[in-house]
All heavy atoms as atom14 arrays in JSON, in Angstrom:
{
  "sequence": "YHDFNKASHGCSLCPPNMCKGLVIERIEDSISEEDKRLIYLGD",
  "atom14_mask": [
    [1, 1, 1, 1, 1, 1, 1, 1, 1, 1, 1, 1, 0, 0],
    [1, 1, 1, 1, 1, 1, 1, 1, 1, 1, 0, 0, 0, 0],
    [1, 1, 1, 1, 1, 1, 1, 1, 0, 0, 0, 0, 0, 0],
    [1, 1, 1, 1, 1, 1, 1, 1, 1, 1, 1, 0, 0, 0],
    [1, 1, 1, 1, 1, 1, 1, 1, 0, 0, 0, 0, 0, 0],
    [1, 1, 1, 1, 1, 1, 1, 1, 1, 0, 0, 0, 0, 0],
    [1, 1, 1, 1, 1, 0, 0, 0, 0, 0, 0, 0, 0, 0],
    [1, 1, 1, 1, 1, 1, 0, 0, 0, 0, 0, 0, 0, 0],
    [1, 1, 1, 1, 1, 1, 1, 1, 1, 1, 0, 0, 0, 0],
    [1, 1, 1, 1, 0, 0, 0, 0, 0, 0, 0, 0, 0, 0],
    [1, 1, 1, 1, 1, 1, 0, 0, 0, 0, 0, 0, 0, 0],
    [1, 1, 1, 1, 1, 1, 0, 0, 0, 0, 0, 0, 0, 0],
    [1, 1, 1, 1, 1, 1, 1, 1, 0, 0, 0, 0, 0, 0],
    [1, 1, 1, 1, 1, 1, 0, 0, 0, 0, 0, 0, 0, 0],
    [1, 1, 1, 1, 1, 1, 1, 0, 0, 0, 0, 0, 0, 0],
    [1, 1, 1, 1, 1, 1, 1, 0, 0, 0, 0, 0, 0, 0],
    [1, 1, 1, 1, 1, 1, 1, 1, 0, 0, 0, 0, 0, 0],
    [1, 1, 1, 1, 1, 1, 1, 1, 0, 0, 0, 0, 0, 0],
    [1, 1, 1, 1, 1, 1, 0, 0, 0, 0, 0, 0, 0, 0],
    [1, 1, 1, 1, 1, 1, 1, 1, 1, 0, 0, 0, 0, 0],
    [1, 1, 1, 1, 0, 0, 0, 0, 0, 0, 0, 0, 0, 0],
    [1, 1, 1, 1, 1, 1, 1, 1, 0, 0, 0, 0, 0, 0],
    [1, 1, 1, 1, 1, 1, 1, 0, 0, 0, 0, 0, 0, 0],
    [1, 1, 1, 1, 1, 1, 1, 1, 0, 0, 0, 0, 0, 0],
    [1, 1, 1, 1, 1, 1, 1, 1, 1, 0, 0, 0, 0, 0],
    [1, 1, 1, 1, 1, 1, 1, 1, 1, 1, 1, 0, 0, 0],
    [1, 1, 1, 1, 1, 1, 1, 1, 0, 0, 0, 0, 0, 0],
    [1, 1, 1, 1, 1, 1, 1, 1, 1, 0, 0, 0, 0, 0],
    [1, 1, 1, 1, 1, 1, 1, 1, 0, 0, 0, 0, 0, 0],
    [1, 1, 1, 1, 1, 1, 0, 0, 0, 0, 0, 0, 0, 0],
    [1, 1, 1, 1, 1, 1, 1, 1, 0, 0, 0, 0, 0, 0],
    [1, 1, 1, 1, 1, 1, 0, 0, 0, 0, 0, 0, 0, 0],
    [1, 1, 1, 1, 1, 1, 1, 1, 1, 0, 0, 0, 0, 0],
    [1, 1, 1, 1, 1, 1, 1, 1, 1, 0, 0, 0, 0, 0],
    [1, 1, 1, 1, 1, 1, 1, 1, 0, 0, 0, 0, 0, 0],
    [1, 1, 1, 1, 1, 1, 1, 1, 1, 0, 0, 0, 0, 0],
    [1, 1, 1, 1, 1, 1, 1, 1, 1, 1, 1, 0, 0, 0],
    [1, 1, 1, 1, 1, 1, 1, 1, 0, 0, 0, 0, 0, 0],
    [1, 1, 1, 1, 1, 1, 1, 1, 0, 0, 0, 0, 0, 0],
    [1, 1, 1, 1, 1, 1, 1, 1, 1, 1, 1, 1, 0, 0],
    [1, 1, 1, 1, 1, 1, 1, 1, 0, 0, 0, 0, 0, 0],
    [1, 1, 1, 1, 0, 0, 0, 0, 0, 0, 0, 0, 0, 0],
    [1, 1, 1, 1, 1, 1, 1, 1, 0, 0, 0, 0, 0, 0]
  ],
  "atom14_positions": [
    [[-0.18, -11.35, 2.49], [-1.11, -10.37, 1.92], [-0.93, -10.33, 0.4], [-1.92, -10.39, -0.34], [-0.85, -8.99, 2.52], [-1.8, -7.91, 2.04], [-3.03, -7.73, 2.65], [-1.45, -7.08, 0.98], [-3.91, -6.75, 2.19], [-2.31, -6.11, 0.54], [-3.55, -5.93, 1.13], [-4.41, -4.98, 0.69], [0.0, 0.0, 0.0], [0.0, 0.0, 0.0]],
    [[0.3, -10.2, -0.06], [0.63, -10.36, -1.47], [1.23, -11.74, -1.65], [2.26, -12.06, -1.04], [1.65, -9.3, -1.92], [1.19, -7.9, -1.81], [0.11, -7.39, -2.48], [1.68, -6.86, -1.08], [-0.05, -6.13, -2.19], [0.89, -5.75, -1.32], [0.0, 0.0, 0.0], [0.0, 0.0, 0.0], [0.0, 0.0, 0.0], [0.0, 0.0, 0.0]],
    [[0.61, -12.56, -2.47], [1.12, -13.93, -2.65], [2.39, -13.87, -3.51], [2.32, -13.9, -4.75], [0.04, -14.79, -3.33], [0.44, -16.27, -3.35], [1.58, -16.58, -2.98], [-0.41, -17.1, -3.7], [0.0, 0.0, 0.0], [0.0, 0.0, 0.0], [0.0, 0.0, 0.0], [0.0, 0.0, 0.0], [0.0, 0.0, 0.0], [0.0, 0.0, 0.0]],
    [[3.5, -13.83, -2.84], [4.8, -13.71, -3.56], [5.2, -14.98, -4.28], [6.14, -14.98, -5.08], [5.9, -13.23, -2.6], [6.08, -14.12, -1.38], [6.87, -15.25, -1.39], [5.44, -13.78, -0.2], [7.05, -16.02, -0.28], [5.61, -14.55, 0.96], [6.4, -15.69, 0.9], [0.0, 0.0, 0.0], [0.0, 0.0, 0.0], [0.0, 0.0, 0.0]],
    [[4.48, -16.09, -4.03], [4.75, -17.34, -4.75], [4.23, -17.23, -6.18], [4.68, -17.93, -7.06], [4.13, -18.52, -4.03], [4.79, -18.79, -2.69], [6.01, -18.85, -2.61], [3.98, -18.92, -1.65], [0.0, 0.0, 0.0], [0.0, 0.0, 0.0], [0.0, 0.0, 0.0], [0.0, 0.0, 0.0], [0.0, 0.0, 0.0], [0.0, 0.0, 0.0]],
    [[3.24, -16.35, -6.39], [2.68, -16.15, -7.72], [3.34, -14.99, -8.46], [3.65, -15.1, -9.63], [1.15, -15.88, -7.61], [0.37, -17.08, -7.13], [-1.13, -16.76, -7.09], [-1.93, -17.97, -6.64], [-3.39, -17.65, -6.57], [0.0, 0.0, 0.0], [0.0, 0.0, 0.0], [0.0, 0.0, 0.0], [0.0, 0.0, 0.0], [0.0, 0.0, 0.0]],
    [[3.52, -13.88, -7.74], [4.16, -12.72, -8.39], [4.69, -11.76, -7.33], [4.13, -11.66, -6.24], [3.15, -12.01, -9.29], [0.0, 0.0, 0.0], [0.0, 0.0, 0.0], [0.0, 0.0, 0.0], [0.0, 0.0, 0.0], [0.0, 0.0, 0.0], [0.0, 0.0, 0.0], [0.0, 0.0, 0.0], [0.0, 0.0, 0.0], [0.0, 0.0, 0.0]],
    [[5.79, -11.08, -7.65], [6.36, -10.1, -6.75], [5.57, -8.81, -6.81], [5.06, -8.43, -7.88], [7.81, -9.83, -7.14], [8.33, -8.7, -6.45], [0.0, 0.0, 0.0], [0.0, 0.0, 0.0], [0.0, 0.0, 0.0], [0.0, 0.0, 0.0], [0.0, 0.0, 0.0], [0.0, 0.0, 0.0], [0.0, 0.0, 0.0], [0.0, 0.0, 0.0]],
    [[5.47, -8.12, -5.64], [4.78, -6.82, -5.67], [5.68, -5.71, -6.24], [5.23, -4.62, -6.47], [4.28, -6.43, -4.27], [5.31, -6.47, -3.2], [6.46, -5.72, -3.23], [5.36, -7.16, -2.01], [7.21, -5.96, -2.14], [6.56, -6.81, -1.36], [0.0, 0.0, 0.0], [0.0, 0.0, 0.0], [0.0, 0.0, 0.0], [0.0, 0.0, 0.0]],
    [[6.95, -6.02, -6.44], [7.84, -5.11, -7.13], [8.45, -3.99, -6.33], [9.1, -3.1, -6.88], [0.0, 0.0, 0.0], [0.0, 0.0, 0.0], [0.0, 0.0, 0.0], [0.0, 0.0, 0.0], [0.0, 0.0, 0.0], [0.0, 0.0, 0.0], [0.0, 0.0, 0.0], [0.0, 0.0, 0.0], [0.0, 0.0, 0.0], [0.0, 0.0, 0.0]],
    [[8.28, -4.02, -5.0], [8.81, -2.97, -4.15], [10.05, -3.46, -3.4], [9.94, -4.44, -2.66], [7.76, -2.46, -3.17], [8.38, -1.22, -2.0], [0.0, 0.0, 0.0], [0.0, 0.0, 0.0], [0.0, 0.0, 0.0], [0.0, 0.0, 0.0], [0.0, 0.0, 0.0], [0.0, 0.0, 0.0], [0.0, 0.0, 0.0], [0.0, 0.0, 0.0]],
    [[11.16, -2.8, -3.6], [12.42, -3.25, -2.98], [12.52, -2.82, -1.51], [13.39, -3.31, -0.77], [13.62, -2.68, -3.73], [13.57, -1.26, -3.74], [0.0, 0.0, 0.0], [0.0, 0.0, 0.0], [0.0, 0.0, 0.0], [0.0, 0.0, 0.0], [0.0, 0.0, 0.0], [0.0, 0.0, 0.0], [0.0, 0.0, 0.0], [0.0, 0.0, 0.0]],
    [[11.64, -1.91, -1.06], [11.7, -1.41, 0.32], [10.97, -2.33, 1.3], [11.23, -2.28, 2.5], [11.06, -0.01, 0.4], [11.8, 1.11, -0.34], [10.96, 2.4, -0.26], [13.18, 1.32, 0.22], [0.0, 0.0, 0.0], [0.0, 0.0, 0.0], [0.0, 0.0, 0.0], [0.0, 0.0, 0.0], [0.0, 0.0, 0.0], [0.0, 0.0, 0.0]],
    [[10.03, -3.14, 0.78], [9.13, -3.89, 1.65], [9.42, -5.38, 1.64], [10.0, -5.91, 0.69], [7.65, -3.64, 1.22], [7.13, -1.92, 1.43], [0.0, 0.0, 0.0], [0.0, 0.0, 0.0], [0.0, 0.0, 0.0], [0.0, 0.0, 0.0], [0.0, 0.0, 0.0], [0.0, 0.0, 0.0], [0.0, 0.0, 0.0], [0.0, 0.0, 0.0]],
    [[8.97, -6.1, 2.68], [9.1, -7.57, 2.69], [8.25, -8.16, 1.58], [7.3, -7.55, 1.1], [8.59, -7.96, 4.09], [7.69, -6.84, 4.5], [8.31, -5.6, 3.9], [0.0, 0.0, 0.0], [0.0, 0.0, 0.0], [0.0, 0.0, 0.0], [0.0, 0.0, 0.0], [0.0, 0.0, 0.0], [0.0, 0.0, 0.0], [0.0, 0.0, 0.0]],
    [[8.59, -9.42, 1.14], [7.89, -9.99, -0.04], [6.4, -10.19, 0.13], [5.66, -10.19, -0.83], [8.62, -11.35, -0.23], [9.26, -11.63, 1.09], [9.62, -10.3, 1.67], [0.0, 0.0, 0.0], [0.0, 0.0, 0.0], [0.0, 0.0, 0.0], [0.0, 0.0, 0.0], [0.0, 0.0, 0.0], [0.0, 0.0, 0.0], [0.0, 0.0, 0.0]],
    [[5.95, -10.34, 1.38], [4.52, -10.66, 1.61], [3.61, -9.43, 1.68], [2.39, -9.59, 1.55], [4.37, -11.45, 2.92], [4.79, -10.62, 4.15], [5.98, -10.38, 4.29], [3.85, -10.2, 4.96], [0.0, 0.0, 0.0], [0.0, 0.0, 0.0], [0.0, 0.0, 0.0], [0.0, 0.0, 0.0], [0.0, 0.0, 0.0], [0.0, 0.0, 0.0]],
    [[4.2, -8.23, 1.86], [3.31, -7.07, 1.98], [4.05, -5.76, 1.68], [5.03, -5.44, 2.34], [2.69, -6.98, 3.36], [1.62, -5.9, 3.5], [0.85, -5.89, 5.14], [-0.63, -4.94, 4.76], [0.0, 0.0, 0.0], [0.0, 0.0, 0.0], [0.0, 0.0, 0.0], [0.0, 0.0, 0.0], [0.0, 0.0, 0.0], [0.0, 0.0, 0.0]],
    [[3.5, -5.03, 0.7], [3.97, -3.65, 0.48], [2.88, -2.71, 0.97], [1.84, -2.58, 0.35], [4.24, -3.44, -1.02], [4.61, -1.69, -1.4], [0.0, 0.0, 0.0], [0.0, 0.0, 0.0], [0.0, 0.0, 0.0], [0.0, 0.0, 0.0], [0.0, 0.0, 0.0], [0.0, 0.0, 0.0], [0.0, 0.0, 0.0], [0.0, 0.0, 0.0]],
    [[3.17, -2.06, 2.07], [2.18, -1.13, 2.62], [1.98, 0.11, 1.76], [0.91, 0.72, 1.77], [2.61, -0.7, 4.06], [2.55, -1.79, 5.08], [2.91, -1.24, 6.47], [2.81, -2.3, 7.54], [3.06, -1.73, 8.88], [0.0, 0.0, 0.0], [0.0, 0.0, 0.0], [0.0, 0.0, 0.0], [0.0, 0.0, 0.0], [0.0, 0.0, 0.0]],
    [[3.0, 0.43, 0.96], [2.85, 1.56, 0.05], [1.77, 1.34, -0.98], [1.01, 2.25, -1.28], [0.0, 0.0, 0.0], [0.0, 0.0, 0.0], [0.0, 0.0, 0.0], [0.0, 0.0, 0.0], [0.0, 0.0, 0.0], [0.0, 0.0, 0.0], [0.0, 0.0, 0.0], [0.0, 0.0, 0.0], [0.0, 0.0, 0.0], [0.0, 0.0, 0.0]],
    [[1.68, 0.09, -1.49], [0.63, -0.24, -2.45], [-0.74, -0.15, -1.78], [-1.73, 0.25, -2.42], [0.86, -1.63, -3.02], [2.05, -1.77, -3.95], [2.18, -3.25, -4.39], [1.89, -0.87, -5.17], [0.0, 0.0, 0.0], [0.0, 0.0, 0.0], [0.0, 0.0, 0.0], [0.0, 0.0, 0.0], [0.0, 0.0, 0.0], [0.0, 0.0, 0.0]],
    [[-0.83, -0.52, -0.52], [-2.1, -0.45, 0.22], [-2.51, 1.01, 0.35], [-3.69, 1.36, 0.17], [-1.97, -1.12, 1.6], [-3.32, -1.03, 2.34], [-1.54, -2.58, 1.48], [0.0, 0.0, 0.0], [0.0, 0.0, 0.0], [0.0, 0.0, 0.0], [0.0, 0.0, 0.0], [0.0, 0.0, 0.0], [0.0, 0.0, 0.0], [0.0, 0.0, 0.0]],
    [[-1.55, 1.87, 0.7], [-1.86, 3.29, 0.86], [-2.32, 3.89, -0.47], [-3.26, 4.69, -0.52], [-0.63, 4.06, 1.41], [-0.45, 3.73, 2.89], [-0.78, 5.57, 1.22], [-1.59, 4.16, 3.78], [0.0, 0.0, 0.0], [0.0, 0.0, 0.0], [0.0, 0.0, 0.0], [0.0, 0.0, 0.0], [0.0, 0.0, 0.0], [0.0, 0.0, 0.0]],
    [[-1.69, 3.51, -1.55], [-2.09, 4.01, -2.87], [-3.53, 3.58, -3.16], [-4.32, 4.36, -3.72], [-1.15, 3.5, -3.96], [0.2, 4.22, -3.98], [1.0, 3.87, -5.2], [0.63, 2.91, -5.92], [2.01, 4.56, -5.46], [0.0, 0.0, 0.0], [0.0, 0.0, 0.0], [0.0, 0.0, 0.0], [0.0, 0.0, 0.0], [0.0, 0.0, 0.0]],
    [[-3.88, 2.36, -2.82], [-5.26, 1.86, -3.05], [-6.24, 2.68, -2.21], [-7.31, 3.07, -2.67], [-5.37, 0.39, -2.72], [-6.79, -0.16, -2.98], [-6.98, -1.53, -2.41], [-6.73, -1.59, -0.96], [-7.59, -1.14, -0.08], [-8.72, -0.53, -0.46], [-7.31, -1.23, 1.2], [0.0, 0.0, 0.0], [0.0, 0.0, 0.0], [0.0, 0.0, 0.0]],
    [[-5.86, 2.95, -0.93], [-6.73, 3.74, -0.07], [-6.92, 5.13, -0.65], [-8.02, 5.66, -0.69], [-6.15, 3.78, 1.36], [-6.26, 2.42, 2.02], [-6.9, 4.84, 2.22], [-5.59, 2.33, 3.39], [0.0, 0.0, 0.0], [0.0, 0.0, 0.0], [0.0, 0.0, 0.0], [0.0, 0.0, 0.0], [0.0, 0.0, 0.0], [0.0, 0.0, 0.0]],
    [[-5.83, 5.74, -1.09], [-5.89, 7.09, -1.7], [-6.8, 7.1, -2.92], [-7.59, 8.01, -3.12], [-4.49, 7.56, -2.04], [-3.62, 7.92, -0.86], [-2.2, 8.29, -1.23], [-1.72, 7.8, -2.3], [-1.56, 9.03, -0.48], [0.0, 0.0, 0.0], [0.0, 0.0, 0.0], [0.0, 0.0, 0.0], [0.0, 0.0, 0.0], [0.0, 0.0, 0.0]],
    [[-6.68, 6.04, -3.74], [-7.51, 5.97, -4.96], [-8.97, 5.78, -4.63], [-9.84, 6.17, -5.42], [-7.02, 4.83, -5.86], [-5.65, 5.11, -6.48], [-5.24, 6.29, -6.49], [-4.98, 4.15, -6.92], [0.0, 0.0, 0.0], [0.0, 0.0, 0.0], [0.0, 0.0, 0.0], [0.0, 0.0, 0.0], [0.0, 0.0, 0.0], [0.0, 0.0, 0.0]],
    [[-9.25, 5.17, -3.48], [-10.64, 4.91, -3.1], [-11.32, 6.12, -2.48], [-12.55, 6.1, -2.26], [-10.71, 3.73, -2.11], [-10.18, 4.12, -0.83], [0.0, 0.0, 0.0], [0.0, 0.0, 0.0], [0.0, 0.0, 0.0], [0.0, 0.0, 0.0], [0.0, 0.0, 0.0], [0.0, 0.0, 0.0], [0.0, 0.0, 0.0], [0.0, 0.0, 0.0]],
    [[-10.54, 7.14, -2.16], [-11.07, 8.32, -1.53], [-11.47, 9.31, -2.63], [-10.62, 9.81, -3.37], [-10.05, 8.99, -0.58], [-9.71, 8.03, 0.55], [-10.58, 10.3, -0.03], [-8.52, 8.49, 1.39], [0.0, 0.0, 0.0], [0.0, 0.0, 0.0], [0.0, 0.0, 0.0], [0.0, 0.0, 0.0], [0.0, 0.0, 0.0], [0.0, 0.0, 0.0]],
    [[-12.75, 9.61, -2.74], [-13.23, 10.45, -3.82], [-13.15, 11.93, -3.52], [-12.9, 12.77, -4.39], [-14.67, 10.09, -4.18], [-15.52, 10.22, -3.04], [0.0, 0.0, 0.0], [0.0, 0.0, 0.0], [0.0, 0.0, 0.0], [0.0, 0.0, 0.0], [0.0, 0.0, 0.0], [0.0, 0.0, 0.0], [0.0, 0.0, 0.0], [0.0, 0.0, 0.0]],
    [[-13.33, 12.29, -2.24], [-13.35, 13.69, -1.87], [-11.95, 14.33, -2.03], [-10.96, 13.79, -1.58], [-13.82, 13.93, -0.43], [-15.27, 13.52, -0.2], [-15.41, 12.07, 0.2], [-14.47, 11.3, -0.1], [-16.44, 11.7, 0.8], [0.0, 0.0, 0.0], [0.0, 0.0, 0.0], [0.0, 0.0, 0.0], [0.0, 0.0, 0.0], [0.0, 0.0, 0.0]],
    [[-11.92, 15.51, -2.64], [-10.64, 16.17, -2.88], [-9.99, 16.67, -1.58], [-8.77, 16.8, -1.49], [-10.83, 17.37, -3.81], [-11.2, 16.95, -5.25], [-11.3, 18.15, -6.17], [-11.07, 19.26, -5.69], [-11.64, 17.94, -7.36], [0.0, 0.0, 0.0], [0.0, 0.0, 0.0], [0.0, 0.0, 0.0], [0.0, 0.0, 0.0], [0.0, 0.0, 0.0]],
    [[-10.82, 16.96, -0.57], [-10.28, 17.52, 0.66], [-9.94, 16.47, 1.72], [-9.69, 16.79, 2.87], [-11.27, 18.54, 1.28], [-12.58, 17.9, 1.67], [-12.87, 16.79, 1.18], [-13.33, 18.49, 2.46], [0.0, 0.0, 0.0], [0.0, 0.0, 0.0], [0.0, 0.0, 0.0], [0.0, 0.0, 0.0], [0.0, 0.0, 0.0], [0.0, 0.0, 0.0]],
    [[-9.93, 15.19, 1.33], [-9.57, 14.15, 2.26], [-8.11, 14.27, 2.66], [-7.25, 14.54, 1.82], [-9.81, 12.77, 1.65], [-11.27, 12.29, 1.72], [-11.65, 11.79, 3.08], [-13.04, 11.18, 3.09], [-13.43, 10.69, 4.41], [0.0, 0.0, 0.0], [0.0, 0.0, 0.0], [0.0, 0.0, 0.0], [0.0, 0.0, 0.0], [0.0, 0.0, 0.0]],
    [[-7.83, 14.07, 3.93], [-6.45, 14.15, 4.43], [-6.11, 12.82, 5.13], [-6.94, 12.28, 5.86], [-6.32, 15.29, 5.46], [-6.9, 16.63, 4.98], [-5.99, 17.38, 4.08], [-4.84, 17.94, 4.76], [-4.85, 19.12, 5.38], [-5.96, 19.85, 5.42], [-3.77, 19.59, 5.97], [0.0, 0.0, 0.0], [0.0, 0.0, 0.0], [0.0, 0.0, 0.0]],
    [[-4.91, 12.32, 4.92], [-4.46, 11.1, 5.56], [-3.52, 11.41, 6.71], [-2.65, 12.29, 6.59], [-3.74, 10.19, 4.55], [-4.56, 9.06, 3.92], [-5.64, 9.65, 3.03], [-3.66, 8.11, 3.15], [0.0, 0.0, 0.0], [0.0, 0.0, 0.0], [0.0, 0.0, 0.0], [0.0, 0.0, 0.0], [0.0, 0.0, 0.0], [0.0, 0.0, 0.0]],
    [[-3.7, 10.7, 7.8], [-2.74, 10.71, 8.91], [-2.27, 9.28, 9.06], [-3.09, 8.39, 9.31], [-3.36, 11.2, 10.23], [-3.95, 12.6, 10.08], [-2.33, 11.18, 11.36], [-4.68, 13.11, 11.32], [0.0, 0.0, 0.0], [0.0, 0.0, 0.0], [0.0, 0.0, 0.0], [0.0, 0.0, 0.0], [0.0, 0.0, 0.0], [0.0, 0.0, 0.0]],
    [[-0.97, 9.04, 8.92], [-0.42, 7.7, 8.99], [0.47, 7.54, 10.22], [1.39, 8.34, 10.44], [0.39, 7.36, 7.74], [0.83, 5.93, 7.64], [0.14, 5.02, 6.86], [1.92, 5.46, 8.36], [0.54, 3.7, 6.77], [2.34, 4.15, 8.3], [1.63, 3.25, 7.5], [2.03, 1.94, 7.45], [0.0, 0.0, 0.0], [0.0, 0.0, 0.0]],
    [[0.2, 6.53, 11.04], [0.98, 6.26, 12.26], [1.69, 4.95, 12.13], [1.06, 3.93, 11.82], [0.12, 6.22, 13.49], [-0.69, 7.46, 13.88], [-2.08, 7.46, 13.2], [-0.89, 7.53, 15.4], [0.0, 0.0, 0.0], [0.0, 0.0, 0.0], [0.0, 0.0, 0.0], [0.0, 0.0, 0.0], [0.0, 0.0, 0.0], [0.0, 0.0, 0.0]],
    [[3.01, 4.92, 12.36], [3.73, 3.67, 12.3], [5.09, 3.74, 12.99], [5.5, 4.81, 13.45], [0.0, 0.0, 0.0], [0.0, 0.0, 0.0], [0.0, 0.0, 0.0], [0.0, 0.0, 0.0], [0.0, 0.0, 0.0], [0.0, 0.0, 0.0], [0.0, 0.0, 0.0], [0.0, 0.0, 0.0], [0.0, 0.0, 0.0], [0.0, 0.0, 0.0]],
    [[5.76, 2.59, 13.07], [7.03, 2.56, 13.79], [8.13, 1.83, 13.02], [9.3, 2.14, 13.15], [6.84, 1.81, 15.12], [6.65, 0.32, 14.91], [5.52, -0.08, 14.55], [7.62, -0.45, 15.09], [0.0, 0.0, 0.0], [0.0, 0.0, 0.0], [0.0, 0.0, 0.0], [0.0, 0.0, 0.0], [0.0, 0.0, 0.0], [0.0, 0.0, 0.0]]
  ]
}
């Protein structure tokens, strides 16, 4: 998902190929309504 051969995503918590935190930040930034609420499910 993140091409780590070109550049690191810079997150020490996540594997080199994908930082889900960055994805969530992008989703949050794409939500315009102030009253939007996120529910995140994971394991």
